[in-house]
Amino acid sequence: MVEPPDGRGLRDVRVRGEVVGRAWSLKDLRSLLRRAEVPEDVDLEAGELVHWRGGGPEVWPDRPWRRRAASVLMAVGLLVTAGALGKIGKTDVSDALTFGGRVAGATFLLASVVEIIAAICAFDYLGKRRWVYSGAVVLVGVTIALALNALLLAMQIDAREYSHYAWIWPTLLVWAFWALRKISPRQVWRQSPHPRKVATGAAVAGLISIGNLLYSRVYVPYSSPLALDIAVKFGEPQLNAKRTVLYVPMTVNVKNTGKVPLYILGSLYRVYGRSADFTEKARGMTEWKADVQAGNSVERNTKVMGSDLISSGEVMVGSGGSFMEPGDAGSEEKILAIPANSEFDSIDGAAEVVVMRMDRATLSVDFMSSGTTSWDDSLSHATDAPKWVADPGDEYLKYQARVYYSNEILNATRRPRYATIWWVFNKTADGRQYSYLMATISLKNEEGREPSARDSQETSTSYGLYFITSATAREPFAALVKPPAP
C-alpha cells in the first residue's frame, strides 16, 4: 500500500499492513521494498500486488533540488551563527575582563555547540525525520539565532559604526525569519512527543542568550575607585666648590594604592623656576584679577613674572605600555643642576601619570615600539601635532596602540579604537619652555579631532583613561642657596 503524499511529498509505504518507511520517489520505493524483502521483480503498476492511494506511480510531488537547497541553506545559517558565537565565546571565556563576561563567553560557546547540532538535525528534519527530536533541536537553534542576531544588529545600529561583522547580523536575521517560517513552529509543537519541553527549551535558550548579551553590553560591573599616589619631594641641596651651581636632589614616588591594575600610557615630571617681583606696596584688585586670569594665585605683595622650565622627563623611564598591579610602586631620583645666581623666587616640582584601567580595556603590546617624533633625522622640525594638542612648530613624541574592549561582543560591533599619547615640549615667544602630556582614545587616524567634553567623559567611563597629577612641591630658592658657614 502506497499512501497519498503529505505536504512535503512523502508517501508512507505499508507492507502486509505495517509501515516500512516513507518514499520521495519510485527509486526510494524500490529501496524500501528491498529492505522489506519484497521481490525486486514485482510490477509496481500491477493493481493486484501494489495498491496506490491518492495518485499512482507517476505522482511524486517532491522537488529534490528545492528540498536539498533548503536543507543546505538552513544548515549554513546555523553554522554561520555557530561560527560567530563560537569566536565571541572562545575569546571571552579566556580574555574577558570581568567574571560576568567570562560566564557570558561560556554561554556563547554552549550556544555555538547547540547551533552545530541543530545544523546536523536540519538535514533530518527537512528530510525523512527519522529522529523525532530533530525538529525541536532545529527550533531551539533558530530561536537562539533570531534572538542574538536581532540584539547584535540593534547594538550595531546603536553604535552607528561599521565593523567586519556588520553585514552578518542583518543577513542572519532575515535568514532566521525564513527558517522559522520553513520549519513551522506549530508543526514542530504538534509532532514533538513532549511539546511543553520543546517550548520551554526554546524559550530558556533564547532568554539565556539574550540575558548574557545584555549583561555584556549594558551591565557595568562594580569596580573599586582608581587610587594612584604620586609625590614629589626635594632633598637637601648642595653647592659645588665654586658656589656657582646648586645641585638639588628630587625624588618622585608612584604607587598603585587601589585595587585596580592600571596601564601606564605615559609619565612626566616637571620642575620650573618661578620668577616673581616683590613690592612693598600692596597690590590692588586690578592686579589680583590679572593674577587669576593668568592662572596664578592672588598675592598681596608679589607679582609672578613667569616660570622657566628647569628639568622635565619621564617619571618611570620606558614604562609606557607597562602596567602596575595593586600595591606596585616605582621611584625615580633626579639631580637638578641650577645656576646659583638664578633670580628665581622658588622652584616648583610636580608630576603626572596618564593611566588606563585594565578592568575596562586592554592595550596591544606594540605601544612602546610605535614611538614617532615631530623631527626628522637631521633634528629639524618635520610634522606638527593636532592643533588641540600643540601649537604649530612645537616638538613632540607620539605613541599609539590598539585598545581592545572588555568583551568580544563590543569588539564585534564597534570599530577599533586607538590610544594615543603625546609628550609635548615647546618654547614661547619670550623664550620660556614648557612640557606636558596629552592623550586620547579615538578611531584610527582620527586622533587629530579635538574631543568634546562628552567624548572625554565617555573615554573615562568606557576605558578608564585618567590623568593623575601630584601636588606641587615648592621650595624658596633663597633657602636652597644657603650662605657659606662662618
Protein backbone atom coordinates (compact mmCIF):
# COMPACT_ATOMS: atom_id res chain seq x y z
CA MET A 1 0.00 0.00 0.00
CA VAL A 2 1.42 3.39 -1.07
CA GLU A 3 -0.37 6.18 0.84
CA PRO A 4 -1.20 9.65 -0.55
CA PRO A 5 1.67 12.20 -0.47
CA ASP A 6 1.82 14.52 2.52
CA GLY A 7 2.55 18.24 2.42
CA ARG A 8 6.23 17.60 1.72
CA GLY A 9 5.67 14.98 -0.97
CA LEU A 10 6.48 11.93 1.18
CA ARG A 11 4.32 8.82 0.79
CA ASP A 12 4.03 6.21 3.56
CA VAL A 13 4.65 2.65 2.37
CA ARG A 14 2.95 -0.33 4.03
CA VAL A 15 3.84 -3.96 3.51
CA ARG A 16 1.46 -6.53 4.95
CA GLY A 17 -0.24 -3.72 6.88
CA GLU A 18 2.90 -2.36 8.59
CA VAL A 19 4.61 0.93 7.70
CA VAL A 20 8.10 0.09 6.43
CA GLY A 21 9.13 3.63 5.59
CA ARG A 22 8.45 6.73 3.50
CA ALA A 23 9.40 7.37 -0.08
CA TRP A 24 10.18 10.51 -2.09
CA SER A 25 10.22 8.70 -5.44
CA LEU A 26 9.96 5.37 -7.23
CA LYS A 27 13.67 4.84 -6.53
CA ASP A 28 13.01 5.34 -2.80
CA LEU A 29 10.04 2.99 -3.02
CA ARG A 30 12.05 0.16 -4.56
CA SER A 31 14.75 0.60 -1.92
CA LEU A 32 12.16 0.29 0.86
CA LEU A 33 10.67 -2.81 -0.72
CA ARG A 34 14.05 -4.50 -0.99
CA ARG A 35 14.67 -3.90 2.72
CA ALA A 36 11.19 -5.34 3.40
CA GLU A 37 12.21 -8.49 1.42
CA VAL A 38 9.72 -7.88 -1.36
CA PRO A 39 10.94 -9.49 -4.62
CA GLU A 40 12.61 -6.98 -6.92
CA ASP A 41 10.70 -8.13 -9.96
CA VAL A 42 7.34 -7.03 -8.53
CA ASP A 43 5.41 -4.98 -11.05
CA LEU A 44 4.67 -1.75 -9.17
CA GLU A 45 1.89 -0.84 -11.55
CA ALA A 46 0.08 -4.12 -11.06
CA GLY A 47 -3.03 -3.44 -9.05
CA GLU A 48 -3.12 -6.95 -7.63
CA LEU A 49 0.07 -6.55 -5.56
CA VAL A 50 0.53 -2.79 -5.14
CA HIS A 51 -2.32 -0.52 -4.16
CA TRP A 52 -1.90 3.22 -4.81
CA ARG A 53 -3.91 5.77 -2.85
CA GLY A 54 -4.03 9.45 -3.72
CA GLY A 55 -2.29 9.01 -7.03
CA GLY A 56 -0.46 6.34 -8.96
CA PRO A 57 3.25 5.71 -9.52
CA GLU A 58 3.52 8.93 -11.53
CA VAL A 59 2.57 11.17 -8.56
CA TRP A 60 5.68 12.28 -6.67
CA PRO A 61 5.34 16.00 -5.68
CA ASP A 62 8.80 16.18 -4.15
CA ARG A 63 11.31 18.58 -5.76
CA PRO A 64 14.68 17.16 -4.67
CA TRP A 65 16.78 20.14 -5.66
CA ARG A 66 14.48 22.53 -3.77
CA ARG A 67 14.41 20.33 -0.67
CA ARG A 68 18.19 19.88 -0.67
CA ALA A 69 18.78 23.58 -1.24
CA ALA A 70 16.52 24.41 1.73
CA SER A 71 18.40 21.91 3.91
CA VAL A 72 21.76 23.37 2.92
CA LEU A 73 20.56 26.95 3.47
CA MET A 74 19.15 26.02 6.86
CA ALA A 75 22.41 24.35 7.89
CA VAL A 76 24.58 27.20 6.55
CA GLY A 77 22.66 29.80 8.56
CA LEU A 78 23.01 27.74 11.73
CA LEU A 79 26.72 27.12 11.10
CA VAL A 80 27.48 30.78 10.39
CA THR A 81 25.69 31.68 13.62
CA ALA A 82 27.68 28.96 15.39
CA GLY A 83 30.92 30.39 13.99
CA ALA A 84 30.15 33.94 15.15
CA LEU A 85 29.02 32.77 18.60
CA GLY A 86 32.00 30.43 18.89
CA LYS A 87 34.52 33.16 18.10
CA ILE A 88 32.94 35.56 20.58
CA GLY A 89 32.61 32.87 23.24
CA LYS A 90 36.12 31.45 22.79
CA THR A 91 37.65 34.90 23.20
CA ASP A 92 35.52 35.98 26.16
CA VAL A 93 35.75 32.76 28.13
CA SER A 94 39.50 33.30 28.49
CA ASP A 95 40.08 37.03 27.90
CA ALA A 96 37.00 38.91 29.14
CA LEU A 97 37.98 41.39 31.84
CA THR A 98 35.10 40.56 34.21
CA PHE A 99 33.75 37.34 35.68
CA GLY A 100 30.34 38.05 34.17
CA GLY A 101 31.94 38.50 30.76
CA ARG A 102 33.58 35.08 31.03
CA VAL A 103 30.29 33.49 32.05
CA ALA A 104 28.72 35.09 29.00
CA GLY A 105 31.56 33.69 26.90
CA ALA A 106 30.88 30.18 28.21
CA THR A 107 27.19 30.60 27.38
CA PHE A 108 28.05 31.67 23.85
CA LEU A 109 30.28 28.62 23.43
CA LEU A 110 27.42 26.40 24.58
CA ALA A 111 25.05 28.18 22.18
CA SER A 112 27.57 27.59 19.39
CA VAL A 113 27.54 23.85 20.11
CA VAL A 114 23.72 23.86 20.05
CA GLU A 115 23.81 25.62 16.66
CA ILE A 116 26.16 22.97 15.24
CA ILE A 117 23.90 20.14 16.46
CA ALA A 118 20.88 21.97 15.03
CA ALA A 119 22.66 22.28 11.66
CA ILE A 120 23.11 18.49 11.58
CA CYS A 121 19.49 17.93 12.61
CA ALA A 122 18.28 20.28 9.86
CA PHE A 123 19.03 17.66 7.22
CA ASP A 124 16.96 15.09 9.10
CA TYR A 125 14.07 17.46 9.85
CA LEU A 126 13.83 18.66 6.26
CA GLY A 127 14.36 15.09 5.15
CA LYS A 128 12.54 11.97 6.31
CA ARG A 129 12.56 12.92 10.02
CA ARG A 130 13.92 9.65 11.32
CA TRP A 131 14.73 11.29 14.69
CA VAL A 132 11.65 12.54 16.49
CA TYR A 133 13.53 15.37 18.23
CA SER A 134 15.26 16.84 15.17
CA GLY A 135 12.55 19.47 14.72
CA ALA A 136 12.81 20.54 18.35
CA VAL A 137 16.58 20.93 18.14
CA VAL A 138 16.32 22.97 14.94
CA LEU A 139 13.64 25.17 16.54
CA VAL A 140 15.89 25.87 19.54
CA GLY A 141 18.81 26.65 17.23
CA VAL A 142 16.78 29.06 15.11
CA THR A 143 15.34 30.72 18.23
CA ILE A 144 18.84 31.37 19.56
CA ALA A 145 19.97 32.71 16.19
CA LEU A 146 16.95 35.00 15.90
CA ALA A 147 17.33 36.45 19.41
CA LEU A 148 21.08 37.00 19.29
CA ASN A 149 21.27 38.37 15.76
CA ALA A 150 18.43 40.79 16.47
CA LEU A 151 20.20 42.15 19.54
CA LEU A 152 23.62 42.27 17.87
CA LEU A 153 22.08 44.18 14.97
CA ALA A 154 20.47 46.58 17.46
CA MET A 155 23.87 47.11 19.10
CA GLN A 156 25.45 47.73 15.70
CA ILE A 157 22.79 50.30 14.85
CA ASP A 158 23.11 51.92 18.27
CA ALA A 159 26.87 52.29 17.81
CA ARG A 160 26.37 53.85 14.35
CA GLU A 161 29.64 52.24 13.31
CA TYR A 162 30.73 49.71 10.72
CA SER A 163 32.65 46.63 11.76
CA HIS A 164 33.66 43.49 9.90
CA TYR A 165 30.60 41.74 11.34
CA ALA A 166 28.11 44.46 10.40
CA TRP A 167 26.77 42.65 7.33
CA ILE A 168 26.37 39.32 9.19
CA TRP A 169 23.68 40.37 11.69
CA PRO A 170 21.02 41.64 9.22
CA THR A 171 21.71 38.75 6.83
CA LEU A 172 21.29 36.16 9.58
CA LEU A 173 18.24 37.95 10.93
CA VAL A 174 16.49 37.69 7.55
CA TRP A 175 17.59 34.06 7.37
CA ALA A 176 16.18 33.38 10.86
CA PHE A 177 12.73 34.65 9.88
CA TRP A 178 12.84 32.48 6.76
CA ALA A 179 13.95 29.48 8.84
CA LEU A 180 11.13 29.96 11.33
CA ARG A 181 8.61 30.01 8.52
CA LYS A 182 10.21 26.97 6.92
CA ILE A 183 10.21 24.76 9.99
CA SER A 184 6.77 25.94 11.16
CA PRO A 185 7.00 26.06 14.99
CA ARG A 186 3.36 24.97 15.32
CA GLN A 187 4.10 21.85 13.34
CA VAL A 188 7.15 21.11 15.50
CA TRP A 189 4.93 21.60 18.54
CA ARG A 190 2.34 19.09 17.30
CA GLN A 191 4.88 16.48 16.18
CA SER A 192 7.07 16.59 19.29
CA PRO A 193 6.37 13.87 21.87
CA HIS A 194 6.95 16.46 24.61
CA PRO A 195 5.71 19.80 23.24
CA ARG A 196 5.89 21.67 26.53
CA LYS A 197 9.52 20.71 26.99
CA VAL A 198 10.30 21.85 23.43
CA ALA A 199 8.65 25.23 24.03
CA THR A 200 10.36 25.62 27.39
CA GLY A 201 13.75 24.68 25.93
CA ALA A 202 13.43 27.18 23.10
CA ALA A 203 12.29 29.95 25.45
CA VAL A 204 15.00 29.28 28.04
CA ALA A 205 17.70 29.10 25.37
CA GLY A 206 16.61 32.41 23.90
CA LEU A 207 16.31 34.12 27.28
CA ILE A 208 19.72 32.93 28.45
CA SER A 209 21.34 34.13 25.24
CA ILE A 210 19.57 37.49 25.40
CA GLY A 211 20.34 37.89 29.09
CA ASN A 212 24.03 37.23 28.66
CA LEU A 213 24.24 39.55 25.67
CA LEU A 214 22.51 42.35 27.55
CA TYR A 215 24.74 41.69 30.56
CA SER A 216 27.86 42.05 28.44
CA ARG A 217 26.55 45.19 26.75
CA VAL A 218 24.69 47.09 29.44
CA TYR A 219 25.97 45.97 32.82
CA VAL A 220 28.96 47.89 34.16
CA PRO A 221 30.47 45.75 36.90
CA TYR A 222 31.25 47.36 40.20
CA SER A 223 34.88 48.32 40.44
CA SER A 224 36.89 49.93 43.16
CA PRO A 225 37.84 53.54 42.58
CA LEU A 226 41.18 54.17 40.98
CA ALA A 227 43.85 55.18 43.52
CA LEU A 228 47.34 56.18 42.37
CA ASP A 229 49.57 58.16 44.70
CA ILE A 230 52.21 60.46 43.18
CA ALA A 231 54.51 62.52 45.38
CA VAL A 232 57.37 64.88 44.52
CA LYS A 233 59.94 65.73 47.18
CA PHE A 234 63.07 67.87 47.11
CA GLY A 235 66.14 66.73 49.07
CA GLU A 236 68.99 68.56 50.76
CA PRO A 237 70.63 70.91 48.21
CA GLN A 238 74.40 71.19 47.75
CA LEU A 239 76.58 73.87 46.13
CA ASN A 240 79.66 72.98 44.13
CA ALA A 241 83.08 74.08 45.36
CA LYS A 242 82.97 77.31 43.40
CA ARG A 243 79.45 78.05 44.63
CA THR A 244 78.26 78.55 41.07
CA VAL A 245 75.99 75.51 40.66
CA LEU A 246 73.27 74.38 43.01
CA TYR A 247 72.51 70.64 42.99
CA VAL A 248 69.03 69.76 44.25
CA PRO A 249 68.03 66.10 44.69
CA MET A 250 64.44 65.32 43.75
CA THR A 251 62.51 62.09 44.28
CA VAL A 252 59.25 61.13 42.56
CA ASN A 253 57.31 58.23 44.09
CA VAL A 254 54.42 56.48 42.34
CA LYS A 255 52.33 53.74 43.97
CA ASN A 256 49.13 51.98 43.00
CA THR A 257 47.29 52.09 46.30
CA GLY A 258 43.96 50.94 44.87
CA LYS A 259 42.62 47.54 43.91
CA VAL A 260 42.57 48.11 40.14
CA PRO A 261 45.51 47.17 37.88
CA LEU A 262 46.49 50.05 35.60
CA TYR A 263 48.17 50.53 32.25
CA ILE A 264 50.79 53.28 32.23
CA LEU A 265 50.41 55.24 29.00
CA GLY A 266 52.84 57.97 29.94
CA SER A 267 54.50 59.72 32.88
CA LEU A 268 56.17 63.10 33.20
CA TYR A 269 57.75 65.26 35.87
CA ARG A 270 58.32 69.00 35.51
CA VAL A 271 60.43 71.38 37.53
CA TYR A 272 60.02 75.12 36.99
CA GLY A 273 61.84 78.09 38.39
CA ARG A 274 59.33 80.79 39.27
CA SER A 275 60.27 84.44 38.86
CA ALA A 276 58.44 86.99 40.96
CA ASP A 277 58.70 90.68 41.74
CA PHE A 278 58.22 91.73 45.37
CA THR A 279 56.73 95.12 46.07
CA GLU A 280 56.22 96.76 49.45
CA LYS A 281 53.08 98.46 48.24
CA ALA A 282 50.01 96.26 48.41
CA ARG A 283 48.69 95.28 45.00
CA GLY A 284 45.11 96.20 44.21
CA MET A 285 42.04 94.45 42.84
CA THR A 286 43.06 95.05 39.23
CA GLU A 287 46.34 93.20 39.76
CA TRP A 288 44.54 90.41 41.59
CA LYS A 289 42.15 89.89 38.69
CA ALA A 290 45.12 89.78 36.34
CA ASP A 291 46.68 87.10 38.56
CA VAL A 292 43.52 84.98 38.44
CA GLN A 293 43.20 85.40 34.68
CA ALA A 294 46.81 84.24 34.24
CA GLY A 295 46.14 81.17 36.35
CA ASN A 296 48.28 82.31 39.26
CA SER A 297 47.43 82.62 42.93
CA VAL A 298 46.41 86.02 44.28
CA GLU A 299 49.27 87.57 46.25
CA ARG A 300 49.29 90.89 48.09
CA ASN A 301 52.91 91.91 47.62
CA THR A 302 54.19 89.57 44.91
CA LYS A 303 53.67 89.69 41.17
CA VAL A 304 54.51 86.44 39.42
CA MET A 305 56.55 87.23 36.32
CA GLY A 306 56.57 83.70 34.87
CA SER A 307 58.17 80.28 35.08
CA ASP A 308 61.17 78.76 33.32
CA LEU A 309 61.48 75.02 32.75
CA ILE A 310 64.46 73.64 34.65
CA SER A 311 64.01 69.92 34.04
CA SER A 312 61.42 67.54 32.59
CA GLY A 313 61.33 63.85 31.76
CA GLU A 314 59.68 60.50 32.34
CA VAL A 315 58.91 59.61 35.92
CA MET A 316 59.35 55.93 35.10
CA VAL A 317 61.66 55.64 32.13
CA GLY A 318 60.42 53.24 29.44
CA SER A 319 57.22 52.49 31.34
CA GLY A 320 54.81 53.37 28.52
CA GLY A 321 52.53 50.43 27.79
CA SER A 322 53.50 48.63 31.00
CA PHE A 323 51.14 48.06 33.91
CA MET A 324 51.01 48.42 37.65
CA GLU A 325 49.26 45.82 39.75
CA PRO A 326 47.69 46.88 43.05
CA GLY A 327 50.49 47.55 45.53
CA ASP A 328 53.17 48.08 42.87
CA ALA A 329 55.38 51.11 43.39
CA GLY A 330 58.01 52.98 41.43
CA SER A 331 60.55 55.63 42.37
CA GLU A 332 62.72 57.92 40.32
CA GLU A 333 65.52 60.08 41.66
CA LYS A 334 66.81 63.15 39.82
CA ILE A 335 69.58 65.65 40.46
CA LEU A 336 68.68 69.16 39.34
CA ALA A 337 71.59 71.44 38.38
CA ILE A 338 70.62 75.12 38.73
CA PRO A 339 72.87 78.17 38.39
CA ALA A 340 73.35 79.56 41.89
CA ASN A 341 72.90 83.12 40.68
CA SER A 342 69.44 82.42 39.20
CA GLU A 343 66.88 85.05 40.09
CA PHE A 344 64.15 82.60 40.94
CA ASP A 345 61.64 83.21 43.67
CA SER A 346 61.06 79.47 44.13
CA ILE A 347 61.37 76.15 42.37
CA ASP A 348 58.22 74.13 41.77
CA GLY A 349 58.08 70.41 41.08
CA ALA A 350 55.11 68.28 40.00
CA ALA A 351 54.47 65.02 38.19
CA GLU A 352 51.61 63.39 36.32
CA VAL A 353 50.82 59.91 35.02
CA VAL A 354 48.32 59.01 32.30
CA VAL A 355 46.71 55.66 33.09
CA MET A 356 44.03 53.35 31.74
CA ARG A 357 42.13 50.84 33.86
CA MET A 358 42.93 47.22 32.99
CA ASP A 359 39.42 46.14 34.01
CA ARG A 360 37.86 48.24 31.25
CA ALA A 361 40.08 47.57 28.22
CA THR A 362 43.36 46.00 27.12
CA LEU A 363 46.24 47.61 25.25
CA SER A 364 48.19 45.95 22.44
CA VAL A 365 51.84 45.17 23.16
CA ASP A 366 53.29 47.38 20.41
CA PHE A 367 52.76 50.62 22.32
CA MET A 368 56.42 51.46 23.03
CA SER A 369 57.63 50.37 19.59
CA SER A 370 55.14 52.75 17.95
CA GLY A 371 57.03 55.89 19.00
CA THR A 372 57.39 58.64 16.41
CA THR A 373 58.84 62.15 16.65
CA SER A 374 57.97 65.52 15.18
CA TRP A 375 61.53 65.92 13.85
CA ASP A 376 63.49 64.14 11.14
CA ASP A 377 66.95 62.54 11.21
CA SER A 378 68.61 65.94 10.97
CA LEU A 379 66.66 67.01 14.11
CA SER A 380 64.74 69.57 12.07
CA HIS A 381 61.04 70.05 12.75
CA ALA A 382 59.03 67.97 10.25
CA THR A 383 55.48 67.44 11.50
CA ASP A 384 53.01 69.42 13.58
CA ALA A 385 50.78 67.88 16.22
CA PRO A 386 47.00 68.41 16.00
CA LYS A 387 46.13 72.00 16.88
CA TRP A 388 44.25 70.97 20.02
CA VAL A 389 47.40 69.18 21.23
CA ALA A 390 50.11 71.74 20.48
CA ASP A 391 50.84 74.90 18.52
CA PRO A 392 52.47 74.66 15.08
CA GLY A 393 56.20 74.23 15.42
CA ASP A 394 56.06 72.58 18.85
CA GLU A 395 58.02 69.36 19.16
CA TYR A 396 56.59 66.10 20.48
CA LEU A 397 56.97 62.36 20.96
CA LYS A 398 53.93 60.29 19.99
CA TYR A 399 52.91 56.73 20.92
CA GLN A 400 49.85 54.87 19.68
CA ALA A 401 48.43 51.35 20.12
CA ARG A 402 45.17 49.44 19.62
CA VAL A 403 42.72 49.33 22.51
CA TYR A 404 40.51 46.27 22.85
CA TYR A 405 37.12 46.38 24.55
CA SER A 406 36.39 44.48 27.74
CA ASN A 407 34.49 41.75 25.84
CA GLU A 408 34.42 40.38 22.31
CA ILE A 409 30.78 41.35 21.77
CA LEU A 410 31.80 45.00 21.79
CA ASN A 411 34.82 44.26 19.59
CA ALA A 412 32.47 42.63 17.08
CA THR A 413 30.02 45.54 16.95
CA ARG A 414 32.40 48.50 17.32
CA ARG A 415 35.13 49.95 15.18
CA PRO A 416 38.68 49.61 16.55
CA ARG A 417 39.91 52.34 18.89
CA TYR A 418 43.47 53.50 19.44
CA ALA A 419 45.09 55.11 22.46
CA THR A 420 47.41 57.99 21.51
CA ILE A 421 49.67 59.99 23.81
CA TRP A 422 51.86 62.99 23.06
CA TRP A 423 54.76 64.32 25.10
CA VAL A 424 54.94 67.95 24.01
CA PHE A 425 57.71 70.43 24.72
CA ASN A 426 57.65 73.95 23.35
CA LYS A 427 59.14 77.39 23.67
CA THR A 428 57.06 80.54 23.87
CA ALA A 429 57.79 83.80 22.09
CA ASP A 430 59.51 85.20 25.20
CA GLY A 431 61.82 82.17 25.36
CA ARG A 432 60.11 80.27 28.16
CA GLN A 433 59.87 76.49 27.82
CA TYR A 434 57.04 74.17 28.79
CA SER A 435 56.41 70.42 28.80
CA TYR A 436 53.17 68.47 29.16
CA LEU A 437 51.27 65.29 28.22
CA MET A 438 48.12 64.94 26.10
CA ALA A 439 46.21 61.71 25.46
CA THR A 440 43.07 60.50 23.76
CA ILE A 441 41.30 57.32 22.64
CA SER A 442 39.85 57.61 19.16
CA LEU A 443 39.22 55.85 15.87
CA LYS A 444 42.20 55.15 13.65
CA ASN A 445 43.60 58.36 12.10
CA GLU A 446 41.04 60.49 13.99
CA GLU A 447 43.27 61.44 16.89
CA GLY A 448 43.57 64.89 15.32
CA ARG A 449 39.93 65.66 16.14
CA GLU A 450 39.61 67.55 19.39
CA PRO A 451 37.45 65.52 21.81
CA SER A 452 34.40 67.25 23.20
CA ALA A 453 33.53 67.25 26.88
CA ARG A 454 31.13 64.38 26.17
CA ASP A 455 33.86 62.45 24.33
CA SER A 456 36.22 62.89 27.27
CA GLN A 457 33.56 61.70 29.71
CA GLU A 458 32.82 58.64 27.58
CA THR A 459 36.53 57.88 27.32
CA SER A 460 36.87 57.96 31.09
CA THR A 461 33.74 55.87 31.62
CA SER A 462 34.31 53.27 28.91
CA TYR A 463 38.09 52.86 29.12
CA GLY A 464 39.09 54.40 32.44
CA LEU A 465 41.54 56.89 30.89
CA TYR A 466 42.69 59.36 33.56
CA PHE A 467 45.34 61.99 34.17
CA ILE A 468 46.68 61.66 37.72
CA THR A 469 48.65 64.67 38.94
CA SER A 470 50.71 65.09 42.09
CA ALA A 471 50.62 68.01 44.46
CA THR A 472 53.18 70.72 43.68
CA ALA A 473 56.35 70.64 45.77
CA ARG A 474 57.67 74.20 46.24
CA GLU A 475 60.89 75.40 47.85
CA PRO A 476 62.05 79.04 48.24
CA PHE A 477 65.15 79.44 46.12
CA ALA A 478 66.82 81.67 48.68
CA ALA A 479 66.55 78.91 51.27
CA LEU A 480 68.22 76.47 48.90
CA VAL A 481 71.22 78.70 48.22
CA LYS A 482 72.50 78.85 51.76
CA PRO A 483 75.26 81.25 52.71
CA PRO A 484 78.64 79.69 53.46
CA ALA A 485 79.26 78.58 57.01
CA PRO A 486 81.34 81.07 59.04
